[in-house]
Every structure is written in C-alpha cells, then in structure tokens.
Amino acid sequence: MALLTERIRISQNYLSEIQHLIPAPLRRHIKAGPLDEGTWCLLVSNAAVSTKVRQLLPVLLRLLTQNGAQVTAIRIKVQVKPP
C-alpha cells in the first residue's frame, strides 16, 4: 500500500512540475495517471486535448528529466466518461 501511495504522490508532483507548460484552458482537462517502470501516464478528458498535449510531450519529458524525474516516456490516455 505504501508503494502505491508513493507512486500516486510522485505522479501528482510530476503534473505540478509541468503545469506551467500546459496552456491554461487545457489544464482542467488533464489529470495525473499511473507511473509504472519509467512510463508516466496523463489522463485527458477527450481526443482534442490528447492531440494538443501530444504536441507538448517532448518539452514535458525534457523538463521532467532535467528536474531528476525517473521518466523515460509519457503516455496519454483518453478517459471515456460513462453515458
């Protein structure tokens, strides 16, 4: 349980580190997702946000690694809301 709690905390910290690079209107559509073996996941609300964030991935990954994050890749997952 402690390991899971730590991963959640780290994931949320990563999101905090990159917030300033994400355009303000998109920020509310992005949540920190799972962190697993060097791959971090961003959860987004729709495909349009996914497309915009995908364009930022190189900059986001570079910032995280420069700040010492143990991330080698960032995935984007669209969260589908139930009807």
N, C-alpha and C. Protein backbone atom coordinates (compact mmCIF):
# COMPACT_ATOMS: atom_id res chain seq x y z
N MET A 1 0.82 -1.19 0.00
CA MET A 1 0.00 0.00 0.00
C MET A 1 0.87 1.26 0.00
N ALA A 2 1.96 1.23 0.75
CA ALA A 2 2.85 2.38 0.83
C ALA A 2 3.47 2.69 -0.53
N LEU A 3 3.81 1.65 -1.29
CA LEU A 3 4.40 1.85 -2.61
C LEU A 3 3.40 2.52 -3.55
N LEU A 4 2.16 2.10 -3.50
CA LEU A 4 1.12 2.70 -4.33
C LEU A 4 0.91 4.16 -3.96
N THR A 5 0.85 4.45 -2.69
CA THR A 5 0.69 5.82 -2.22
C THR A 5 1.85 6.69 -2.69
N GLU A 6 3.05 6.15 -2.64
CA GLU A 6 4.24 6.90 -3.08
C GLU A 6 4.18 7.17 -4.58
N ARG A 7 3.76 6.19 -5.37
CA ARG A 7 3.65 6.39 -6.83
C ARG A 7 2.61 7.46 -7.16
N ILE A 8 1.51 7.47 -6.44
CA ILE A 8 0.48 8.48 -6.66
C ILE A 8 1.03 9.86 -6.34
N ARG A 9 1.75 9.97 -5.24
CA ARG A 9 2.34 11.26 -4.84
C ARG A 9 3.34 11.75 -5.90
N ILE A 10 4.18 10.86 -6.37
CA ILE A 10 5.17 11.22 -7.38
C ILE A 10 4.47 11.66 -8.66
N SER A 11 3.45 10.92 -9.08
CA SER A 11 2.71 11.26 -10.30
C SER A 11 2.09 12.66 -10.19
N GLN A 12 1.50 12.95 -9.06
CA GLN A 12 0.91 14.27 -8.85
C GLN A 12 1.97 15.36 -8.83
N ASN A 13 3.14 15.06 -8.27
CA ASN A 13 4.24 16.03 -8.29
C ASN A 13 4.71 16.30 -9.70
N TYR A 14 4.78 15.26 -10.52
CA TYR A 14 5.17 15.45 -11.92
C TYR A 14 4.20 16.39 -12.63
N LEU A 15 2.91 16.19 -12.39
CA LEU A 15 1.92 17.07 -13.01
C LEU A 15 2.11 18.51 -12.55
N SER A 16 2.39 18.69 -11.28
CA SER A 16 2.62 20.04 -10.75
C SER A 16 3.83 20.69 -11.43
N GLU A 17 4.86 19.90 -11.69
CA GLU A 17 6.07 20.43 -12.33
C GLU A 17 5.84 20.92 -13.75
N ILE A 18 4.91 20.28 -14.46
CA ILE A 18 4.72 20.64 -15.87
C ILE A 18 3.53 21.57 -16.10
N GLN A 19 2.74 21.86 -15.08
CA GLN A 19 1.52 22.67 -15.25
C GLN A 19 1.77 23.95 -16.03
N HIS A 20 2.86 24.64 -15.72
CA HIS A 20 3.10 25.94 -16.36
C HIS A 20 3.36 25.83 -17.86
N LEU A 21 3.67 24.63 -18.35
CA LEU A 21 3.90 24.44 -19.78
C LEU A 21 2.62 24.10 -20.56
N ILE A 22 1.58 23.78 -19.83
CA ILE A 22 0.30 23.42 -20.46
C ILE A 22 -0.57 24.67 -20.57
N PRO A 23 -1.12 24.95 -21.74
CA PRO A 23 -2.00 26.12 -21.87
C PRO A 23 -3.13 26.09 -20.84
N ALA A 24 -3.39 27.23 -20.25
CA ALA A 24 -4.37 27.34 -19.16
C ALA A 24 -5.72 26.69 -19.46
N PRO A 25 -6.30 26.88 -20.67
CA PRO A 25 -7.61 26.26 -20.92
C PRO A 25 -7.60 24.73 -20.90
N LEU A 26 -6.43 24.12 -21.09
CA LEU A 26 -6.35 22.65 -21.12
C LEU A 26 -6.12 22.04 -19.74
N ARG A 27 -5.61 22.81 -18.81
CA ARG A 27 -5.19 22.26 -17.51
C ARG A 27 -6.29 21.51 -16.78
N ARG A 28 -7.51 22.00 -16.85
CA ARG A 28 -8.59 21.34 -16.11
C ARG A 28 -9.00 20.02 -16.74
N HIS A 29 -8.51 19.73 -17.94
CA HIS A 29 -8.85 18.51 -18.65
C HIS A 29 -7.79 17.42 -18.51
N ILE A 30 -6.77 17.68 -17.68
CA ILE A 30 -5.64 16.76 -17.55
C ILE A 30 -5.47 16.36 -16.09
N LYS A 31 -5.27 15.06 -15.87
CA LYS A 31 -5.04 14.54 -14.52
C LYS A 31 -3.80 13.66 -14.54
N ALA A 32 -3.15 13.56 -13.41
CA ALA A 32 -2.01 12.67 -13.27
C ALA A 32 -2.50 11.23 -13.27
N GLY A 33 -1.85 10.40 -14.05
CA GLY A 33 -2.22 9.00 -14.11
C GLY A 33 -1.15 8.12 -13.51
N PRO A 34 -1.20 6.83 -13.80
CA PRO A 34 -0.27 5.88 -13.21
C PRO A 34 1.18 6.11 -13.66
N LEU A 35 2.07 5.72 -12.79
CA LEU A 35 3.51 5.76 -13.05
C LEU A 35 4.00 4.33 -12.90
N ASP A 36 4.58 3.78 -13.98
CA ASP A 36 4.99 2.39 -13.94
C ASP A 36 6.27 2.18 -14.73
N GLU A 37 7.33 1.80 -14.06
CA GLU A 37 8.61 1.45 -14.69
C GLU A 37 9.09 2.49 -15.69
N GLY A 38 9.11 3.74 -15.29
CA GLY A 38 9.63 4.80 -16.13
C GLY A 38 8.65 5.40 -17.11
N THR A 39 7.46 4.87 -17.18
CA THR A 39 6.43 5.42 -18.06
C THR A 39 5.35 6.07 -17.20
N TRP A 40 5.10 7.34 -17.50
CA TRP A 40 4.09 8.09 -16.77
C TRP A 40 2.91 8.31 -17.69
N CYS A 41 1.72 8.24 -17.16
CA CYS A 41 0.51 8.40 -17.96
C CYS A 41 -0.22 9.68 -17.56
N LEU A 42 -0.63 10.44 -18.56
CA LEU A 42 -1.50 11.59 -18.35
C LEU A 42 -2.90 11.19 -18.79
N LEU A 43 -3.87 11.45 -17.95
CA LEU A 43 -5.26 11.15 -18.27
C LEU A 43 -5.92 12.43 -18.77
N VAL A 44 -6.49 12.37 -19.95
CA VAL A 44 -7.12 13.56 -20.54
C VAL A 44 -8.59 13.28 -20.80
N SER A 45 -9.35 14.36 -20.91
CA SER A 45 -10.81 14.22 -20.99
C SER A 45 -11.35 13.92 -22.38
N ASN A 46 -10.59 14.24 -23.43
CA ASN A 46 -11.10 13.98 -24.78
C ASN A 46 -9.96 13.95 -25.80
N ALA A 47 -10.31 13.57 -27.02
CA ALA A 47 -9.31 13.41 -28.08
C ALA A 47 -8.66 14.73 -28.48
N ALA A 48 -9.41 15.81 -28.43
CA ALA A 48 -8.85 17.11 -28.80
C ALA A 48 -7.73 17.51 -27.83
N VAL A 49 -7.97 17.30 -26.55
CA VAL A 49 -6.96 17.61 -25.55
C VAL A 49 -5.76 16.68 -25.74
N SER A 50 -6.02 15.43 -26.05
CA SER A 50 -4.96 14.47 -26.30
C SER A 50 -4.04 14.95 -27.42
N THR A 51 -4.63 15.43 -28.49
CA THR A 51 -3.85 15.91 -29.63
C THR A 51 -2.98 17.09 -29.24
N LYS A 52 -3.53 18.03 -28.52
CA LYS A 52 -2.76 19.21 -28.09
C LYS A 52 -1.62 18.82 -27.16
N VAL A 53 -1.92 17.95 -26.19
CA VAL A 53 -0.90 17.54 -25.22
C VAL A 53 0.19 16.72 -25.91
N ARG A 54 -0.19 15.90 -26.86
CA ARG A 54 0.79 15.08 -27.59
C ARG A 54 1.87 15.97 -28.23
N GLN A 55 1.47 17.14 -28.69
CA GLN A 55 2.44 18.08 -29.29
C GLN A 55 3.43 18.60 -28.25
N LEU A 56 3.04 18.61 -26.99
CA LEU A 56 3.90 19.12 -25.92
C LEU A 56 4.80 18.05 -25.30
N LEU A 57 4.59 16.80 -25.63
CA LEU A 57 5.30 15.71 -24.96
C LEU A 57 6.82 15.86 -24.92
N PRO A 58 7.48 16.22 -26.02
CA PRO A 58 8.95 16.34 -25.93
C PRO A 58 9.39 17.39 -24.89
N VAL A 59 8.69 18.50 -24.83
CA VAL A 59 9.04 19.55 -23.88
C VAL A 59 8.75 19.10 -22.45
N LEU A 60 7.62 18.44 -22.24
CA LEU A 60 7.25 17.97 -20.91
C LEU A 60 8.25 16.93 -20.41
N LEU A 61 8.61 15.99 -21.26
CA LEU A 61 9.55 14.95 -20.88
C LEU A 61 10.93 15.53 -20.58
N ARG A 62 11.36 16.48 -21.39
CA ARG A 62 12.66 17.12 -21.17
C ARG A 62 12.70 17.83 -19.82
N LEU A 63 11.64 18.57 -19.49
CA LEU A 63 11.59 19.27 -18.20
C LEU A 63 11.65 18.29 -17.04
N LEU A 64 10.87 17.23 -17.13
CA LEU A 64 10.85 16.26 -16.04
C LEU A 64 12.22 15.61 -15.84
N THR A 65 12.85 15.21 -16.93
CA THR A 65 14.16 14.55 -16.79
C THR A 65 15.23 15.54 -16.31
N GLN A 66 15.14 16.79 -16.73
CA GLN A 66 16.09 17.80 -16.24
C GLN A 66 15.92 18.04 -14.74
N ASN A 67 14.70 17.83 -14.25
CA ASN A 67 14.43 18.01 -12.82
C ASN A 67 14.66 16.72 -12.02
N GLY A 68 15.22 15.70 -12.67
CA GLY A 68 15.57 14.48 -11.96
C GLY A 68 14.53 13.39 -11.94
N ALA A 69 13.45 13.56 -12.69
CA ALA A 69 12.40 12.53 -12.72
C ALA A 69 12.91 11.28 -13.41
N GLN A 70 12.50 10.14 -12.91
CA GLN A 70 12.87 8.85 -13.48
C GLN A 70 11.83 8.43 -14.52
N VAL A 71 11.60 9.29 -15.51
CA VAL A 71 10.59 9.04 -16.54
C VAL A 71 11.29 8.96 -17.89
N THR A 72 11.01 7.90 -18.64
CA THR A 72 11.60 7.75 -19.97
C THR A 72 10.56 7.95 -21.07
N ALA A 73 9.27 7.92 -20.69
CA ALA A 73 8.20 8.10 -21.67
C ALA A 73 6.95 8.60 -20.96
N ILE A 74 6.13 9.33 -21.73
CA ILE A 74 4.84 9.79 -21.23
C ILE A 74 3.77 9.27 -22.18
N ARG A 75 2.78 8.59 -21.62
CA ARG A 75 1.64 8.11 -22.39
C ARG A 75 0.46 9.06 -22.15
N ILE A 76 -0.44 9.11 -23.09
CA ILE A 76 -1.67 9.87 -22.93
C ILE A 76 -2.83 8.90 -23.08
N LYS A 77 -3.73 8.96 -22.14
CA LYS A 77 -4.91 8.09 -22.20
C LYS A 77 -6.16 8.96 -22.08
N VAL A 78 -7.06 8.78 -23.03
CA VAL A 78 -8.33 9.49 -23.01
C VAL A 78 -9.28 8.73 -22.08
N GLN A 79 -9.79 9.41 -21.09
CA GLN A 79 -10.75 8.81 -20.18
C GLN A 79 -12.14 9.00 -20.76
N VAL A 80 -12.79 7.91 -21.06
CA VAL A 80 -14.14 7.96 -21.60
C VAL A 80 -15.13 8.02 -20.45
N LYS A 81 -15.96 9.04 -20.46
CA LYS A 81 -16.98 9.18 -19.42
C LYS A 81 -18.15 8.25 -19.73
N PRO A 82 -18.66 7.57 -18.74
CA PRO A 82 -19.82 6.71 -18.98
C PRO A 82 -21.04 7.54 -19.36
N PRO A 83 -21.91 7.00 -20.21
CA PRO A 83 -23.10 7.76 -20.64
C PRO A 83 -24.08 7.99 -19.54
